[in-house]
Amino acid sequence: MSDALRLRCVFAFLMSLVMTLLMSAWVTWLNIGLQADFLPRWRHAFFAAWPVAFCAVMLFAPRVQLMSRSIVARLARPAPACPVCSPAASAGAQAAPCSCAS
């Protein structure tokens, strides 16, 4: 097994474990409150949900990471320069007044 695949499996294992523990506890608490049978019901919900969460992380984490990188790259790009008031435009002939916010 390659290091990249091993890292992906360990990440999926830990991420699904943490998310399933938290979400199954939260949803169980919302549904039944803190009753005497809370822990058995939580345990049942956790073991029913964890395999699904693990598979979801294994399948979707790479795509979500790519989407996240794309969004961050778009947010980090500088805004395009105004064609009227940019330094290249002002070196040429006199242009019309610019209405941009710069």
C-alpha atoms as a PDB file:
ATOM      1  CA  MET A   1       0.000   0.000   0.000  1.00  0.00           C
ATOM      2  CA  SER A   2       1.405   3.389  -0.949  1.00  0.00           C
ATOM      3  CA  ASP A   3       1.885   6.136   1.632  1.00  0.00           C
ATOM      4  CA  ALA A   4      -0.740   8.289  -0.104  1.00  0.00           C
ATOM      5  CA  LEU A   5      -3.349   5.523   0.055  1.00  0.00           C
ATOM      6  CA  ARG A   6      -2.433   4.715   3.650  1.00  0.00           C
ATOM      7  CA  LEU A   7      -2.821   8.399   4.584  1.00  0.00           C
ATOM      8  CA  ARG A   8      -6.178   8.550   2.794  1.00  0.00           C
ATOM      9  CA  CYS A   9      -7.448   5.467   4.657  1.00  0.00           C
ATOM     10  CA  VAL A  10      -6.274   6.686   8.067  1.00  0.00           C
ATOM     11  CA  PHE A  11      -7.775  10.122   7.409  1.00  0.00           C
ATOM     12  CA  ALA A  12     -11.100   8.577   6.344  1.00  0.00           C
ATOM     13  CA  PHE A  13     -11.090   6.306   9.396  1.00  0.00           C
ATOM     14  CA  LEU A  14     -10.444   9.138  11.865  1.00  0.00           C
ATOM     15  CA  MET A  15     -12.673  11.720  10.169  1.00  0.00           C
ATOM     16  CA  SER A  16     -15.603   9.325   9.907  1.00  0.00           C
ATOM     17  CA  LEU A  17     -15.081   8.217  13.512  1.00  0.00           C
ATOM     18  CA  VAL A  18     -15.132  11.759  14.906  1.00  0.00           C
ATOM     19  CA  MET A  19     -18.007  12.969  12.733  1.00  0.00           C
ATOM     20  CA  THR A  20     -20.131   9.882  13.379  1.00  0.00           C
ATOM     21  CA  LEU A  21     -19.556  10.030  17.133  1.00  0.00           C
ATOM     22  CA  LEU A  22     -20.569  13.686  17.250  1.00  0.00           C
ATOM     23  CA  MET A  23     -23.481  13.562  14.826  1.00  0.00           C
ATOM     24  CA  SER A  24     -25.006  10.321  16.108  1.00  0.00           C
ATOM     25  CA  ALA A  25     -24.847  11.643  19.675  1.00  0.00           C
ATOM     26  CA  TRP A  26     -26.391  14.957  18.628  1.00  0.00           C
ATOM     27  CA  VAL A  27     -29.219  13.452  16.597  1.00  0.00           C
ATOM     28  CA  THR A  28     -29.957  10.802  19.231  1.00  0.00           C
ATOM     29  CA  TRP A  29     -30.106  13.510  21.895  1.00  0.00           C
ATOM     30  CA  LEU A  30     -32.401  15.647  19.713  1.00  0.00           C
ATOM     31  CA  ASN A  31     -34.719  12.701  19.069  1.00  0.00           C
ATOM     32  CA  ILE A  32     -35.039  11.166  22.538  1.00  0.00           C
ATOM     33  CA  GLY A  33     -33.328  13.539  24.959  1.00  0.00           C
ATOM     34  CA  LEU A  34     -31.120  12.361  27.787  1.00  0.00           C
ATOM     35  CA  GLN A  35     -33.081   9.273  28.833  1.00  0.00           C
ATOM     36  CA  ALA A  36     -32.046   6.036  30.499  1.00  0.00           C
ATOM     37  CA  ASP A  37     -31.652   4.252  27.145  1.00  0.00           C
ATOM     38  CA  PHE A  38     -29.601   7.058  25.545  1.00  0.00           C
ATOM     39  CA  LEU A  39     -26.264   5.184  25.443  1.00  0.00           C
ATOM     40  CA  PRO A  40     -27.617   1.969  23.852  1.00  0.00           C
ATOM     41  CA  ARG A  41     -29.502   3.982  21.233  1.00  0.00           C
ATOM     42  CA  TRP A  42     -26.454   6.171  20.561  1.00  0.00           C
ATOM     43  CA  ARG A  43     -24.263   3.070  20.193  1.00  0.00           C
ATOM     44  CA  HIS A  44     -26.748   1.571  17.726  1.00  0.00           C
ATOM     45  CA  ALA A  45     -26.899   4.805  15.696  1.00  0.00           C
ATOM     46  CA  PHE A  46     -23.106   5.105  15.701  1.00  0.00           C
ATOM     47  CA  PHE A  47     -22.468   1.559  14.462  1.00  0.00           C
ATOM     48  CA  ALA A  48     -25.169   1.910  11.805  1.00  0.00           C
ATOM     49  CA  ALA A  49     -23.757   5.214  10.523  1.00  0.00           C
ATOM     50  CA  TRP A  50     -19.995   4.720  10.744  1.00  0.00           C
ATOM     51  CA  PRO A  51     -19.545   2.419   7.709  1.00  0.00           C
ATOM     52  CA  VAL A  52     -21.566   4.838   5.589  1.00  0.00           C
ATOM     53  CA  ALA A  53     -19.526   7.806   6.849  1.00  0.00           C
ATOM     54  CA  PHE A  54     -16.247   5.987   6.157  1.00  0.00           C
ATOM     55  CA  CYS A  55     -17.293   5.180   2.586  1.00  0.00           C
ATOM     56  CA  ALA A  56     -18.504   8.734   2.042  1.00  0.00           C
ATOM     57  CA  VAL A  57     -15.190  10.199   3.205  1.00  0.00           C
ATOM     58  CA  MET A  58     -13.222   7.751   1.049  1.00  0.00           C
ATOM     59  CA  LEU A  59     -15.313   8.583  -2.012  1.00  0.00           C
ATOM     60  CA  PHE A  60     -15.918  12.307  -1.661  1.00  0.00           C
ATOM     61  CA  ALA A  61     -12.950  13.752   0.257  1.00  0.00           C
ATOM     62  CA  PRO A  62     -10.654  14.002  -2.808  1.00  0.00           C
ATOM     63  CA  ARG A  63     -13.346  15.756  -4.862  1.00  0.00           C
ATOM     64  CA  VAL A  64     -14.274  18.100  -2.019  1.00  0.00           C
ATOM     65  CA  GLN A  65     -10.602  18.930  -1.522  1.00  0.00           C
ATOM     66  CA  LEU A  66     -10.266  19.818  -5.220  1.00  0.00           C
ATOM     67  CA  MET A  67     -13.393  21.969  -5.064  1.00  0.00           C
ATOM     68  CA  SER A  68     -12.057  23.694  -1.946  1.00  0.00           C
ATOM     69  CA  ARG A  69      -8.732  24.410  -3.643  1.00  0.00           C
ATOM     70  CA  SER A  70     -10.555  25.849  -6.648  1.00  0.00           C
ATOM     71  CA  ILE A  71     -12.717  28.128  -4.486  1.00  0.00           C
ATOM     72  CA  VAL A  72      -9.740  29.346  -2.449  1.00  0.00           C
ATOM     73  CA  ALA A  73      -7.743  29.997  -5.635  1.00  0.00           C
ATOM     74  CA  ARG A  74     -10.593  32.052  -7.083  1.00  0.00           C
ATOM     75  CA  LEU A  75     -10.947  34.048  -3.887  1.00  0.00           C
ATOM     76  CA  ALA A  76      -7.207  34.712  -3.766  1.00  0.00           C
ATOM     77  CA  ARG A  77      -6.999  36.076  -7.323  1.00  0.00           C
ATOM     78  CA  PRO A  78      -6.691  39.838  -7.578  1.00  0.00           C
ATOM     79  CA  ALA A  79      -9.534  41.655  -9.233  1.00  0.00           C
ATOM     80  CA  PRO A  80      -8.990  42.390 -12.927  1.00  0.00           C
ATOM     81  CA  ALA A  81      -7.552  45.821 -13.637  1.00  0.00           C
ATOM     82  CA  CYS A  82      -9.837  48.496 -14.971  1.00  0.00           C
ATOM     83  CA  PRO A  83      -9.086  48.971 -18.701  1.00  0.00           C
ATOM     84  CA  VAL A  84      -9.667  52.720 -18.406  1.00  0.00           C
ATOM     85  CA  CYS A  85      -7.593  53.645 -15.362  1.00  0.00           C
ATOM     86  CA  SER A  86      -4.870  50.957 -15.496  1.00  0.00           C
ATOM     87  CA  PRO A  87      -1.279  52.195 -15.938  1.00  0.00           C
ATOM     88  CA  ALA A  88      -1.104  50.775 -19.481  1.00  0.00           C
ATOM     89  CA  ALA A  89      -4.236  52.646 -20.524  1.00  0.00           C
ATOM     90  CA  SER A  90      -3.090  55.937 -18.990  1.00  0.00           C
ATOM     91  CA  ALA A  91       0.230  55.788 -20.897  1.00  0.00           C
ATOM     92  CA  GLY A  92      -1.620  56.038 -24.183  1.00  0.00           C
ATOM     93  CA  ALA A  93      -4.083  58.618 -25.379  1.00  0.00           C
ATOM     94  CA  GLN A  94      -6.387  60.433 -23.001  1.00  0.00           C
ATOM     95  CA  ALA A  95      -9.287  58.127 -22.159  1.00  0.00           C
ATOM     96  CA  ALA A  96     -12.739  58.883 -20.912  1.00  0.00           C
ATOM     97  CA  PRO A  97     -13.127  59.364 -17.141  1.00  0.00           C
ATOM     98  CA  CYS A  98     -13.273  56.120 -15.217  1.00  0.00           C
ATOM     99  CA  SER A  99     -16.233  55.216 -13.042  1.00  0.00           C
ATOM    100  CA  CYS A 100     -14.575  52.335 -11.176  1.00  0.00           C
ATOM    101  CA  ALA A 101     -14.133  52.392  -7.396  1.00  0.00           C
ATOM    102  CA  SER A 102     -10.309  52.489  -7.406  1.00  0.00           C
END
